[in-house]
PDB file of N, CA and C in Angstrom:
ATOM      1  N   MET A   1      25.279  -1.766  -9.725  1.00  0.00           N
ATOM      2  CA  MET A   1      24.839  -2.239 -11.039  1.00  0.00           C
ATOM      3  C   MET A   1      25.063  -0.899 -12.075  1.00  0.00           C
ATOM      4  N   ASP A   2      26.162  -0.811 -12.781  1.00  0.00           N
ATOM      5  CA  ASP A   2      26.446   0.042 -13.922  1.00  0.00           C
ATOM      6  C   ASP A   2      25.753   0.056 -14.911  1.00  0.00           C
ATOM      7  N   ASN A   3      24.731  -0.568 -15.045  1.00  0.00           N
ATOM      8  CA  ASN A   3      24.065  -0.737 -16.612  1.00  0.00           C
ATOM      9  C   ASN A   3      22.921   0.250 -16.323  1.00  0.00           C
ATOM     10  N   LEU A   4      22.940   0.881 -15.525  1.00  0.00           N
ATOM     11  CA  LEU A   4      21.986   1.883 -15.294  1.00  0.00           C
ATOM     12  C   LEU A   4      22.334   3.384 -15.030  1.00  0.00           C
ATOM     13  N   PRO A   5      22.443   3.875 -16.099  1.00  0.00           N
ATOM     14  CA  PRO A   5      22.919   5.294 -15.691  1.00  0.00           C
ATOM     15  C   PRO A   5      22.230   6.183 -14.720  1.00  0.00           C
ATOM     16  N   LEU A   6      23.095   6.952 -14.281  1.00  0.00           N
ATOM     17  CA  LEU A   6      22.729   7.652 -13.215  1.00  0.00           C
ATOM     18  C   LEU A   6      21.949   7.455 -12.121  1.00  0.00           C
ATOM     19  N   LEU A   7      21.467   6.912 -11.987  1.00  0.00           N
ATOM     20  CA  LEU A   7      20.347   5.577 -10.833  1.00  0.00           C
ATOM     21  C   LEU A   7      20.688   6.421  -9.284  1.00  0.00           C
ATOM     22  N   ASN A   8      22.292   6.636  -8.841  1.00  0.00           N
ATOM     23  CA  ASN A   8      22.133   7.201  -8.005  1.00  0.00           C
ATOM     24  C   ASN A   8      21.845   8.681  -7.871  1.00  0.00           C
ATOM     25  N   LYS A   9      21.860   9.153  -8.752  1.00  0.00           N
ATOM     26  CA  LYS A   9      21.141  10.609  -8.657  1.00  0.00           C
ATOM     27  C   LYS A   9      19.918  10.763  -8.865  1.00  0.00           C
ATOM     28  N   PHE A  10      19.213   9.758  -9.549  1.00  0.00           N
ATOM     29  CA  PHE A  10      17.920  10.125  -9.708  1.00  0.00           C
ATOM     30  C   PHE A  10      17.351   9.556  -8.378  1.00  0.00           C
ATOM     31  N   LEU A  11      17.812   8.437  -7.588  1.00  0.00           N
ATOM     32  CA  LEU A  11      17.419   8.434  -6.358  1.00  0.00           C
ATOM     33  C   LEU A  11      17.464   9.325  -5.449  1.00  0.00           C
ATOM     34  N   SER A  12      18.712   9.961  -5.598  1.00  0.00           N
ATOM     35  CA  SER A  12      18.956  11.422  -4.694  1.00  0.00           C
ATOM     36  C   SER A  12      17.705  12.625  -5.013  1.00  0.00           C
ATOM     37  N   TYR A  13      17.390  12.617  -6.375  1.00  0.00           N
ATOM     38  CA  TYR A  13      16.069  13.473  -7.034  1.00  0.00           C
ATOM     39  C   TYR A  13      14.976  12.976  -6.252  1.00  0.00           C
ATOM     40  N   LEU A  14      14.567  11.582  -6.084  1.00  0.00           N
ATOM     41  CA  LEU A  14      13.574  11.241  -5.260  1.00  0.00           C
ATOM     42  C   LEU A  14      13.453  11.592  -3.981  1.00  0.00           C
ATOM     43  N   ARG A  15      14.335  11.862  -3.374  1.00  0.00           N
ATOM     44  CA  ARG A  15      14.693  12.397  -1.886  1.00  0.00           C
ATOM     45  C   ARG A  15      14.490  13.753  -1.841  1.00  0.00           C
ATOM     46  N   LYS A  16      14.989  14.298  -2.727  1.00  0.00           N
ATOM     47  CA  LYS A  16      14.868  15.795  -2.783  1.00  0.00           C
ATOM     48  C   LYS A  16      13.315  16.341  -3.002  1.00  0.00           C
ATOM     49  N   LYS A  17      12.569  15.377  -3.785  1.00  0.00           N
ATOM     50  CA  LYS A  17      11.317  15.817  -3.721  1.00  0.00           C
ATOM     51  C   LYS A  17      10.296  15.529  -2.841  1.00  0.00           C
ATOM     52  N   ASN A  18      11.165  14.699  -1.665  1.00  0.00           N
ATOM     53  CA  ASN A  18      10.334  14.421  -0.367  1.00  0.00           C
ATOM     54  C   ASN A  18       9.608  13.080  -0.411  1.00  0.00           C
ATOM     55  N   TYR A  19      10.027  12.076  -1.452  1.00  0.00           N
ATOM     56  CA  TYR A  19       9.458  10.939  -1.786  1.00  0.00           C
ATOM     57  C   TYR A  19      10.120   9.922  -0.275  1.00  0.00           C
ATOM     58  N   SER A  20       9.034   9.348   0.124  1.00  0.00           N
ATOM     59  CA  SER A  20       9.520   8.657   1.195  1.00  0.00           C
ATOM     60  C   SER A  20      10.727   7.452   1.266  1.00  0.00           C
ATOM     61  N   GLU A  21      11.334   7.408   2.339  1.00  0.00           N
ATOM     62  CA  GLU A  21      12.468   6.197   2.271  1.00  0.00           C
ATOM     63  C   GLU A  21      12.173   4.826   1.796  1.00  0.00           C
ATOM     64  N   GLU A  22      10.895   4.667   1.908  1.00  0.00           N
ATOM     65  CA  GLU A  22      10.280   3.289   1.505  1.00  0.00           C
ATOM     66  C   GLU A  22      10.007   3.236   0.166  1.00  0.00           C
ATOM     67  N   THR A  23       9.349   4.316  -0.499  1.00  0.00           N
ATOM     68  CA  THR A  23       9.290   4.729  -2.081  1.00  0.00           C
ATOM     69  C   THR A  23      10.828   4.520  -2.658  1.00  0.00           C
ATOM     70  N   VAL A  24      11.733   5.561  -1.976  1.00  0.00           N
ATOM     71  CA  VAL A  24      12.974   5.391  -2.737  1.00  0.00           C
ATOM     72  C   VAL A  24      13.310   3.859  -2.460  1.00  0.00           C
ATOM     73  N   TYR A  25      13.358   3.281  -1.802  1.00  0.00           N
ATOM     74  CA  TYR A  25      14.125   1.816  -1.555  1.00  0.00           C
ATOM     75  C   TYR A  25      13.451   1.035  -2.675  1.00  0.00           C
ATOM     76  N   ASN A  26      12.059   1.141  -3.003  1.00  0.00           N
ATOM     77  CA  ASN A  26      11.195   0.452  -3.664  1.00  0.00           C
ATOM     78  C   ASN A  26      11.627   0.482  -4.925  1.00  0.00           C
ATOM     79  N   TYR A  27      11.680   1.804  -5.543  1.00  0.00           N
ATOM     80  CA  TYR A  27      12.310   2.338  -6.966  1.00  0.00           C
ATOM     81  C   TYR A  27      13.592   1.642  -7.133  1.00  0.00           C
ATOM     82  N   GLU A  28      14.465   1.729  -6.102  1.00  0.00           N
ATOM     83  CA  GLU A  28      15.990   1.123  -6.409  1.00  0.00           C
ATOM     84  C   GLU A  28      15.914  -0.350  -6.922  1.00  0.00           C
ATOM     85  N   ARG A  29      14.977  -1.045  -6.004  1.00  0.00           N
ATOM     86  CA  ARG A  29      14.742  -2.404  -6.090  1.00  0.00           C
ATOM     87  C   ARG A  29      14.425  -2.717  -7.604  1.00  0.00           C
ATOM     88  N   ASP A  30      13.199  -2.126  -7.671  1.00  0.00           N
ATOM     89  CA  ASP A  30      12.680  -2.349  -8.979  1.00  0.00           C
ATOM     90  C   ASP A  30      13.431  -2.246 -10.020  1.00  0.00           C
ATOM     91  N   LEU A  31      14.093  -0.879 -10.050  1.00  0.00           N
ATOM     92  CA  LEU A  31      15.309  -0.496 -11.390  1.00  0.00           C
ATOM     93  C   LEU A  31      16.398  -1.247 -11.158  1.00  0.00           C
ATOM     94  N   ARG A  32      16.786  -1.893  -9.861  1.00  0.00           N
ATOM     95  CA  ARG A  32      17.705  -2.726 -10.108  1.00  0.00           C
ATOM     96  C   ARG A  32      17.308  -4.240 -10.549  1.00  0.00           C
ATOM     97  N   THR A  33      15.933  -4.655 -10.083  1.00  0.00           N
ATOM     98  CA  THR A  33      15.550  -5.986 -11.072  1.00  0.00           C
ATOM     99  C   THR A  33      15.689  -5.782 -12.296  1.00  0.00           C
ATOM    100  N   PHE A  34      15.192  -4.158 -12.951  1.00  0.00           N
ATOM    101  CA  PHE A  34      15.554  -4.411 -14.931  1.00  0.00           C
ATOM    102  C   PHE A  34      17.008  -4.309 -14.897  1.00  0.00           C
ATOM    103  N   GLY A  35      17.594  -3.757 -14.310  1.00  0.00           N
ATOM    104  CA  GLY A  35      19.187  -3.838 -14.475  1.00  0.00           C
ATOM    105  C   GLY A  35      19.641  -5.326 -14.239  1.00  0.00           C
ATOM    106  N   THR A  36      19.224  -6.329 -13.624  1.00  0.00           N
ATOM    107  CA  THR A  36      19.514  -7.769 -13.770  1.00  0.00           C
ATOM    108  C   THR A  36      18.824  -8.307 -14.621  1.00  0.00           C
ATOM    109  N   PHE A  37      17.765  -7.987 -15.442  1.00  0.00           N
ATOM    110  CA  PHE A  37      17.379  -8.449 -16.565  1.00  0.00           C
ATOM    111  C   PHE A  37      17.831  -7.895 -17.728  1.00  0.00           C
ATOM    112  N   LEU A  38      18.453  -6.432 -17.617  1.00  0.00           N
ATOM    113  CA  LEU A  38      19.129  -6.301 -18.950  1.00  0.00           C
ATOM    114  C   LEU A  38      20.382  -7.161 -18.766  1.00  0.00           C
ATOM    115  N   LYS A  39      21.098  -7.309 -17.896  1.00  0.00           N
ATOM    116  CA  LYS A  39      22.299  -8.088 -17.778  1.00  0.00           C
ATOM    117  C   LYS A  39      22.067  -9.667 -18.225  1.00  0.00           C
ATOM    118  N   ASP A  40      21.131 -10.103 -17.686  1.00  0.00           N
ATOM    119  CA  ASP A  40      21.037 -11.746 -17.978  1.00  0.00           C
ATOM    120  C   ASP A  40      20.637 -11.445 -19.616  1.00  0.00           C
ATOM    121  N   LYS A  41      20.252 -10.480 -20.118  1.00  0.00           N
ATOM    122  CA  LYS A  41      19.664 -10.521 -21.301  1.00  0.00           C
ATOM    123  C   LYS A  41      21.022 -10.395 -22.326  1.00  0.00           C
ATOM    124  N   ASN A  42      21.800  -9.874 -21.642  1.00  0.00           N
ATOM    125  CA  ASN A  42      23.126  -8.966 -22.668  1.00  0.00           C
ATOM    126  C   ASN A  42      22.515  -7.863 -23.251  1.00  0.00           C
ATOM    127  N   ILE A  43      21.958  -7.068 -22.905  1.00  0.00           N
ATOM    128  CA  ILE A  43      21.089  -6.014 -23.099  1.00  0.00           C
ATOM    129  C   ILE A  43      21.953  -4.736 -22.589  1.00  0.00           C
ATOM    130  N   ARG A  44      22.235  -3.669 -23.199  1.00  0.00           N
ATOM    131  CA  ARG A  44      22.927  -2.327 -23.325  1.00  0.00           C
ATOM    132  C   ARG A  44      21.899  -1.445 -22.812  1.00  0.00           C
ATOM    133  N   PHE A  45      22.023  -0.608 -22.159  1.00  0.00           N
ATOM    134  CA  PHE A  45      20.609   0.504 -21.491  1.00  0.00           C
ATOM    135  C   PHE A  45      20.332   1.262 -22.866  1.00  0.00           C
ATOM    136  N   GLN A  46      21.243   1.487 -23.843  1.00  0.00           N
ATOM    137  CA  GLN A  46      21.052   2.321 -24.832  1.00  0.00           C
ATOM    138  C   GLN A  46      20.244   1.470 -26.176  1.00  0.00           C
ATOM    139  N   GLU A  47      20.196   0.111 -25.506  1.00  0.00           N
ATOM    140  CA  GLU A  47      19.465  -0.592 -26.764  1.00  0.00           C
ATOM    141  C   GLU A  47      18.401  -0.574 -26.464  1.00  0.00           C
ATOM    142  N   ILE A  48      17.668  -0.015 -25.536  1.00  0.00           N
ATOM    143  CA  ILE A  48      16.245  -0.635 -24.901  1.00  0.00           C
ATOM    144  C   ILE A  48      15.317   0.439 -26.095  1.00  0.00           C
ATOM    145  N   ASP A  49      14.538  -0.568 -26.267  1.00  0.00           N
ATOM    146  CA  ASP A  49      13.348  -0.128 -27.419  1.00  0.00           C
ATOM    147  C   ASP A  49      11.969  -0.634 -26.620  1.00  0.00           C
ATOM    148  N   ASN A  50      11.078  -0.626 -27.805  1.00  0.00           N
ATOM    149  CA  ASN A  50       9.715  -0.926 -26.733  1.00  0.00           C
ATOM    150  C   ASN A  50       9.668  -2.320 -26.876  1.00  0.00           C
ATOM    151  N   ASN A  51      10.346  -3.160 -27.997  1.00  0.00           N
ATOM    152  CA  ASN A  51      10.016  -4.840 -27.801  1.00  0.00           C
ATOM    153  C   ASN A  51      10.880  -5.075 -26.358  1.00  0.00           C
ATOM    154  N   ILE A  52      11.871  -4.429 -26.055  1.00  0.00           N
ATOM    155  CA  ILE A  52      12.819  -5.195 -24.873  1.00  0.00           C
ATOM    156  C   ILE A  52      11.521  -4.889 -23.514  1.00  0.00           C
ATOM    157  N   ILE A  53      10.871  -3.564 -23.613  1.00  0.00           N
ATOM    158  CA  ILE A  53       9.740  -3.241 -22.602  1.00  0.00           C
ATOM    159  C   ILE A  53       9.189  -4.254 -22.471  1.00  0.00           C
ATOM    160  N   ASN A  54       8.329  -4.773 -23.752  1.00  0.00           N
ATOM    161  CA  ASN A  54       7.467  -5.594 -23.285  1.00  0.00           C
ATOM    162  C   ASN A  54       7.980  -7.163 -23.310  1.00  0.00           C
ATOM    163  N   ASP A  55       9.571  -7.618 -23.590  1.00  0.00           N
ATOM    164  CA  ASP A  55      10.213  -8.661 -23.256  1.00  0.00           C
ATOM    165  C   ASP A  55      10.236  -8.653 -21.453  1.00  0.00           C
ATOM    166  N   TYR A  56      10.413  -7.549 -20.976  1.00  0.00           N
ATOM    167  CA  TYR A  56      10.707  -7.359 -19.657  1.00  0.00           C
ATOM    168  C   TYR A  56       8.988  -7.323 -18.773  1.00  0.00           C
ATOM    169  N   LYS A  57       8.066  -7.087 -19.656  1.00  0.00           N
ATOM    170  CA  LYS A  57       6.524  -6.956 -18.780  1.00  0.00           C
ATOM    171  C   LYS A  57       6.522  -8.704 -18.985  1.00  0.00           C
ATOM    172  N   SER A  58       6.775  -9.424 -19.577  1.00  0.00           N
ATOM    173  CA  SER A  58       6.793 -10.832 -19.939  1.00  0.00           C
ATOM    174  C   SER A  58       7.527 -11.415 -18.759  1.00  0.00           C
ATOM    175  N   TYR A  59       8.790 -10.888 -18.400  1.00  0.00           N
ATOM    176  CA  TYR A  59       9.661 -11.486 -17.621  1.00  0.00           C
ATOM    177  C   TYR A  59       8.964 -11.470 -16.500  1.00  0.00           C
ATOM    178  N   LEU A  60       8.299  -9.870 -15.786  1.00  0.00           N
ATOM    179  CA  LEU A  60       7.737 -10.027 -14.646  1.00  0.00           C
ATOM    180  C   LEU A  60       6.880 -10.626 -14.238  1.00  0.00           C
ATOM    181  N   VAL A  61       5.909 -11.136 -15.178  1.00  0.00           N
ATOM    182  CA  VAL A  61       4.987 -12.175 -15.139  1.00  0.00           C
ATOM    183  C   VAL A  61       5.316 -13.848 -15.116  1.00  0.00           C
ATOM    184  N   SER A  62       6.510 -13.850 -15.526  1.00  0.00           N
ATOM    185  CA  SER A  62       7.217 -15.055 -15.455  1.00  0.00           C
ATOM    186  C   SER A  62       7.538 -15.842 -14.015  1.00  0.00           C
ATOM    187  N   THR A  63       7.692 -17.230 -13.926  1.00  0.00           N
ATOM    188  CA  THR A  63       8.082 -17.598 -12.670  1.00  0.00           C
ATOM    189  C   THR A  63       9.986 -17.951 -12.933  1.00  0.00           C
ATOM    190  N   GLY A  64      10.482 -17.393 -13.985  1.00  0.00           N
ATOM    191  CA  GLY A  64      11.704 -17.406 -14.112  1.00  0.00           C
ATOM    192  C   GLY A  64      12.252 -16.120 -13.724  1.00  0.00           C
ATOM    193  N   ARG A  65      11.795 -15.003 -13.150  1.00  0.00           N
ATOM    194  CA  ARG A  65      12.636 -13.919 -13.373  1.00  0.00           C
ATOM    195  C   ARG A  65      13.479 -13.547 -12.220  1.00  0.00           C
ATOM    196  N   LYS A  66      14.413 -12.920 -12.061  1.00  0.00           N
ATOM    197  CA  LYS A  66      15.107 -12.719 -10.754  1.00  0.00           C
ATOM    198  C   LYS A  66      14.966 -11.587 -10.028  1.00  0.00           C
ATOM    199  N   THR A  67      15.444 -11.559  -8.908  1.00  0.00           N
ATOM    200  CA  THR A  67      15.366 -10.418  -8.159  1.00  0.00           C
ATOM    201  C   THR A  67      16.386  -9.559  -8.561  1.00  0.00           C
ATOM    202  N   MET A  68      16.715  -8.137  -7.669  1.00  0.00           N
ATOM    203  CA  MET A  68      17.569  -7.259  -7.670  1.00  0.00           C
ATOM    204  C   MET A  68      18.979  -7.978  -7.412  1.00  0.00           C
ATOM    205  N   ARG A  69      18.758  -8.789  -6.815  1.00  0.00           N
ATOM    206  CA  ARG A  69      20.448  -9.756  -6.306  1.00  0.00           C
ATOM    207  C   ARG A  69      20.361 -10.945  -7.369  1.00  0.00           C
ATOM    208  N   GLY A  70      20.031 -10.987  -8.167  1.00  0.00           N
ATOM    209  CA  GLY A  70      20.137 -12.170  -8.984  1.00  0.00           C
ATOM    210  C   GLY A  70      19.387 -13.410  -8.766  1.00  0.00           C
ATOM    211  N   LYS A  71      18.498 -13.386  -7.808  1.00  0.00           N
ATOM    212  CA  LYS A  71      18.412 -14.753  -7.128  1.00  0.00           C
ATOM    213  C   LYS A  71      16.695 -15.041  -7.967  1.00  0.00           C
ATOM    214  N   GLU A  72      16.289 -16.397  -7.774  1.00  0.00           N
ATOM    215  CA  GLU A  72      15.074 -16.554  -8.830  1.00  0.00           C
ATOM    216  C   GLU A  72      14.353 -16.175  -8.138  1.00  0.00           C
ATOM    217  N   GLY A  73      12.937 -15.851  -8.661  1.00  0.00           N
ATOM    218  CA  GLY A  73      11.948 -15.205  -7.552  1.00  0.00           C
ATOM    219  C   GLY A  73      11.243 -16.110  -7.284  1.00  0.00           C
ATOM    220  N   ILE A  74      10.483 -16.327  -5.832  1.00  0.00           N
ATOM    221  CA  ILE A  74      10.145 -17.438  -5.302  1.00  0.00           C
ATOM    222  C   ILE A  74       8.494 -17.553  -5.819  1.00  0.00           C
ATOM    223  N   LYS A  75       7.860 -16.268  -5.748  1.00  0.00           N
ATOM    224  CA  LYS A  75       6.426 -16.124  -6.237  1.00  0.00           C
ATOM    225  C   LYS A  75       5.995 -15.341  -7.432  1.00  0.00           C
ATOM    226  N   VAL A  76       4.987 -15.485  -8.010  1.00  0.00           N
ATOM    227  CA  VAL A  76       4.486 -14.874  -8.841  1.00  0.00           C
ATOM    228  C   VAL A  76       4.199 -13.368  -8.511  1.00  0.00           C
ATOM    229  N   LEU A  77       4.884 -12.453  -9.139  1.00  0.00           N
ATOM    230  CA  LEU A  77       4.165 -11.030  -8.648  1.00  0.00           C
ATOM    231  C   LEU A  77       2.925 -10.788  -9.081  1.00  0.00           C
ATOM    232  N   ASN A  78       2.145 -10.073  -8.077  1.00  0.00           N
ATOM    233  CA  ASN A  78       1.021  -9.758  -8.276  1.00  0.00           C
ATOM    234  C   ASN A  78       0.814  -8.338  -9.388  1.00  0.00           C
ATOM    235  N   ARG A  79      -0.310  -8.036  -9.744  1.00  0.00           N
ATOM    236  CA  ARG A  79      -0.512  -6.996 -10.987  1.00  0.00           C
ATOM    237  C   ARG A  79      -0.314  -5.894  -9.945  1.00  0.00           C
ATOM    238  N   PHE A  80      -0.339  -5.321  -9.087  1.00  0.00           N
ATOM    239  CA  PHE A  80       0.064  -4.050  -8.152  1.00  0.00           C
ATOM    240  C   PHE A  80       1.567  -3.972  -8.402  1.00  0.00           C
ATOM    241  N   SER A  81       2.242  -5.219  -8.026  1.00  0.00           N
ATOM    242  CA  SER A  81       3.696  -5.045  -7.675  1.00  0.00           C
ATOM    243  C   SER A  81       4.396  -4.882  -9.363  1.00  0.00           C
ATOM    244  N   ILE A  82       3.563  -5.802 -10.223  1.00  0.00           N
ATOM    245  CA  ILE A  82       4.261  -5.596 -11.518  1.00  0.00           C
ATOM    246  C   ILE A  82       3.883  -3.993 -12.226  1.00  0.00           C
ATOM    247  N   ASN A  83       2.765  -3.401 -11.438  1.00  0.00           N
ATOM    248  CA  ASN A  83       2.492  -1.844 -12.269  1.00  0.00           C
ATOM    249  C   ASN A  83       3.589  -0.843 -11.490  1.00  0.00           C
ATOM    250  N   ARG A  84       4.106  -1.532 -10.283  1.00  0.00           N
ATOM    251  CA  ARG A  84       4.537  -0.011  -9.403  1.00  0.00           C
ATOM    252  C   ARG A  84       6.374  -0.508 -10.116  1.00  0.00           C
ATOM    253  N   MET A  85       6.614  -1.889 -10.415  1.00  0.00           N
ATOM    254  CA  MET A  85       7.972  -1.676 -11.074  1.00  0.00           C
ATOM    255  C   MET A  85       8.013  -1.169 -12.412  1.00  0.00           C
ATOM    256  N   LEU A  86       7.109  -1.370 -13.290  1.00  0.00           N
ATOM    257  CA  LEU A  86       6.695  -0.417 -14.388  1.00  0.00           C
ATOM    258  C   LEU A  86       6.492   1.058 -14.123  1.00  0.00           C
ATOM    259  N   SER A  87       5.861   1.475 -13.225  1.00  0.00           N
ATOM    260  CA  SER A  87       5.841   2.971 -12.894  1.00  0.00           C
ATOM    261  C   SER A  87       7.489   3.331 -12.511  1.00  0.00           C
ATOM    262  N   ALA A  88       7.984   2.806 -11.900  1.00  0.00           N
ATOM    263  CA  ALA A  88       9.312   3.164 -11.578  1.00  0.00           C
ATOM    264  C   ALA A  88      10.475   3.277 -12.480  1.00  0.00           C
ATOM    265  N   LEU A  89      10.072   2.249 -13.734  1.00  0.00           N
ATOM    266  CA  LEU A  89      11.131   2.200 -14.955  1.00  0.00           C
ATOM    267  C   LEU A  89      10.569   3.664 -15.731  1.00  0.00           C
ATOM    268  N   ARG A  90       9.345   4.284 -15.475  1.00  0.00           N
ATOM    269  CA  ARG A  90       8.843   5.266 -16.270  1.00  0.00           C
ATOM    270  C   ARG A  90       9.348   6.129 -15.594  1.00  0.00           C
ATOM    271  N   ALA A  91       9.287   6.636 -14.578  1.00  0.00           N
ATOM    272  CA  ALA A  91       9.873   7.599 -13.437  1.00  0.00           C
ATOM    273  C   ALA A  91      11.198   7.856 -13.762  1.00  0.00           C
ATOM    274  N   TYR A  92      11.943   6.876 -13.889  1.00  0.00           N
ATOM    275  CA  TYR A  92      13.427   6.460 -14.279  1.00  0.00           C
ATOM    276  C   TYR A  92      13.843   7.260 -15.693  1.00  0.00           C
ATOM    277  N   SER A  93      12.744   6.833 -16.656  1.00  0.00           N
ATOM    278  CA  SER A  93      13.253   7.202 -17.910  1.00  0.00           C
ATOM    279  C   SER A  93      12.922   8.756 -18.211  1.00  0.00           C
ATOM    280  N   LYS A  94      11.685   9.127 -17.745  1.00  0.00           N
ATOM    281  CA  LYS A  94      11.531  10.582 -17.609  1.00  0.00           C
ATOM    282  C   LYS A  94      12.453  11.074 -17.020  1.00  0.00           C
ATOM    283  N   TYR A  95      13.145  11.048 -16.010  1.00  0.00           N
ATOM    284  CA  TYR A  95      14.109  11.658 -15.264  1.00  0.00           C
ATOM    285  C   TYR A  95      15.120  11.812 -16.198  1.00  0.00           C
ATOM    286  N   LEU A  96      15.587  10.864 -16.930  1.00  0.00           N
ATOM    287  CA  LEU A  96      16.690  10.546 -17.880  1.00  0.00           C
ATOM    288  C   LEU A  96      16.626  11.935 -19.020  1.00  0.00           C
ATOM    289  N   ILE A  97      15.418  11.574 -19.675  1.00  0.00           N
ATOM    290  CA  ILE A  97      14.830  12.543 -20.459  1.00  0.00           C
ATOM    291  C   ILE A  97      14.945  14.123 -20.414  1.00  0.00           C
ATOM    292  N   ASN A  98      14.441  14.165 -18.949  1.00  0.00           N
ATOM    293  CA  ASN A  98      14.404  15.557 -18.692  1.00  0.00           C
ATOM    294  C   ASN A  98      15.971  16.079 -18.312  1.00  0.00           C
ATOM    295  N   ILE A  99      16.863  15.439 -18.029  1.00  0.00           N
ATOM    296  CA  ILE A  99      17.963  15.978 -17.860  1.00  0.00           C
ATOM    297  C   ILE A  99      18.942  15.815 -18.864  1.00  0.00           C
ATOM    298  N   GLY A 100      18.203  15.400 -19.959  1.00  0.00           N
ATOM    299  CA  GLY A 100      19.153  15.508 -21.189  1.00  0.00           C
ATOM    300  C   GLY A 100      20.052  14.337 -21.544  1.00  0.00           C
TER     301      GLY A 100
END
Protein backbone atom coordinates (compact mmCIF):
# COMPACT_ATOMS: atom_id res chain seq x y z
CA MET A 1 0.00 0.00 0.00
CA ASP A 2 1.77 3.09 -1.25
CA ASN A 3 -0.22 5.61 0.76
CA LEU A 4 2.00 5.00 3.79
CA PRO A 5 5.42 6.51 3.03
CA LEU A 6 8.50 4.57 4.10
CA LEU A 7 6.45 1.82 5.74
CA ASN A 8 8.93 -0.91 4.81
CA LYS A 9 11.82 1.17 6.16
CA PHE A 10 9.90 1.65 9.40
CA LEU A 11 9.36 -2.10 9.71
CA SER A 12 13.07 -2.71 9.04
CA TYR A 13 13.88 -0.14 11.71
CA LEU A 14 11.73 -2.07 14.21
CA ARG A 15 13.58 -5.30 13.36
CA LYS A 16 16.94 -3.56 13.86
CA LYS A 17 15.72 -2.39 17.27
CA ASN A 18 15.09 -6.09 18.13
CA TYR A 19 11.31 -5.94 18.14
CA SER A 20 9.88 -9.44 17.95
CA GLU A 21 8.57 -10.65 14.60
CA GLU A 22 5.10 -10.84 16.12
CA THR A 23 5.27 -7.19 17.14
CA VAL A 24 6.54 -6.16 13.71
CA TYR A 25 3.71 -8.14 12.10
CA ASN A 26 1.15 -6.49 14.39
CA TYR A 27 2.50 -3.03 13.61
CA GLU A 28 2.39 -3.75 9.90
CA ARG A 29 -1.16 -5.08 10.08
CA ASP A 30 -2.31 -2.13 12.18
CA LEU A 31 -0.67 0.42 9.90
CA ARG A 32 -2.05 -1.22 6.77
CA THR A 33 -5.49 -1.03 8.36
CA PHE A 34 -4.89 2.70 8.74
CA GLY A 35 -3.82 2.78 5.09
CA THR A 36 -7.08 1.08 4.11
CA PHE A 37 -8.98 3.71 6.10
CA LEU A 38 -7.15 6.51 4.26
CA LYS A 39 -7.78 4.89 0.89
CA ASP A 40 -11.49 4.35 1.57
CA LYS A 41 -11.88 7.97 2.69
CA ASN A 42 -9.78 9.20 -0.25
CA ILE A 43 -7.33 10.92 2.10
CA ARG A 44 -3.71 11.44 1.15
CA PHE A 45 -1.15 10.84 3.89
CA GLN A 46 -0.03 14.48 3.71
CA GLU A 47 -3.58 15.60 4.60
CA ILE A 48 -3.67 13.85 7.98
CA ASP A 49 -4.57 16.09 10.90
CA ASN A 50 -6.15 15.69 14.34
CA ASN A 51 -9.66 15.54 12.87
CA ILE A 52 -8.68 12.61 10.64
CA ILE A 53 -7.07 10.81 13.58
CA ASN A 54 -10.28 11.31 15.58
CA ASP A 55 -12.29 9.95 12.64
CA TYR A 56 -9.96 6.95 12.58
CA LYS A 57 -10.55 6.33 16.30
CA SER A 58 -14.30 6.36 15.66
CA TYR A 59 -13.76 4.06 12.70
CA LEU A 60 -11.90 1.56 14.88
CA VAL A 61 -14.80 1.21 17.31
CA SER A 62 -17.37 0.92 14.53
CA THR A 63 -18.74 -2.28 13.08
CA GLY A 64 -18.16 -0.97 9.55
CA ARG A 65 -14.37 -0.89 9.75
CA LYS A 66 -12.21 -2.85 7.33
CA THR A 67 -9.16 -5.00 7.84
CA MET A 68 -5.81 -4.34 6.18
CA ARG A 69 -6.98 -6.46 3.24
CA GLY A 70 -10.12 -4.38 2.80
CA LYS A 71 -12.49 -6.98 4.23
CA GLU A 72 -15.16 -5.95 6.69
CA GLY A 73 -14.24 -6.54 10.33
CA ILE A 74 -16.25 -9.36 11.87
CA LYS A 75 -16.02 -8.45 15.53
CA VAL A 76 -15.84 -5.25 17.53
CA LEU A 77 -12.27 -4.51 18.56
CA ASN A 78 -11.53 -4.50 22.25
CA ARG A 79 -9.86 -1.56 23.96
CA PHE A 80 -6.47 -3.31 24.03
CA SER A 81 -6.50 -3.81 20.24
CA ILE A 82 -7.55 -0.23 19.57
CA ASN A 83 -4.82 1.11 21.84
CA ARG A 84 -2.24 -1.11 20.12
CA MET A 85 -3.36 0.17 16.72
CA LEU A 86 -3.06 3.77 17.86
CA SER A 87 0.32 3.02 19.43
CA ALA A 88 1.56 1.63 16.10
CA LEU A 89 0.39 4.78 14.35
CA ARG A 90 2.07 6.95 16.99
CA ALA A 91 5.39 5.06 16.66
CA TYR A 92 5.24 5.29 12.86
CA SER A 93 4.53 9.02 13.04
CA LYS A 94 7.45 9.59 15.43
CA TYR A 95 9.71 7.60 13.11
CA LEU A 96 8.73 9.76 10.14
CA ILE A 97 9.30 12.95 12.14
CA ASN A 98 12.70 11.77 13.35
CA ILE A 99 14.00 10.93 9.88
CA GLY A 100 12.72 14.24 8.54
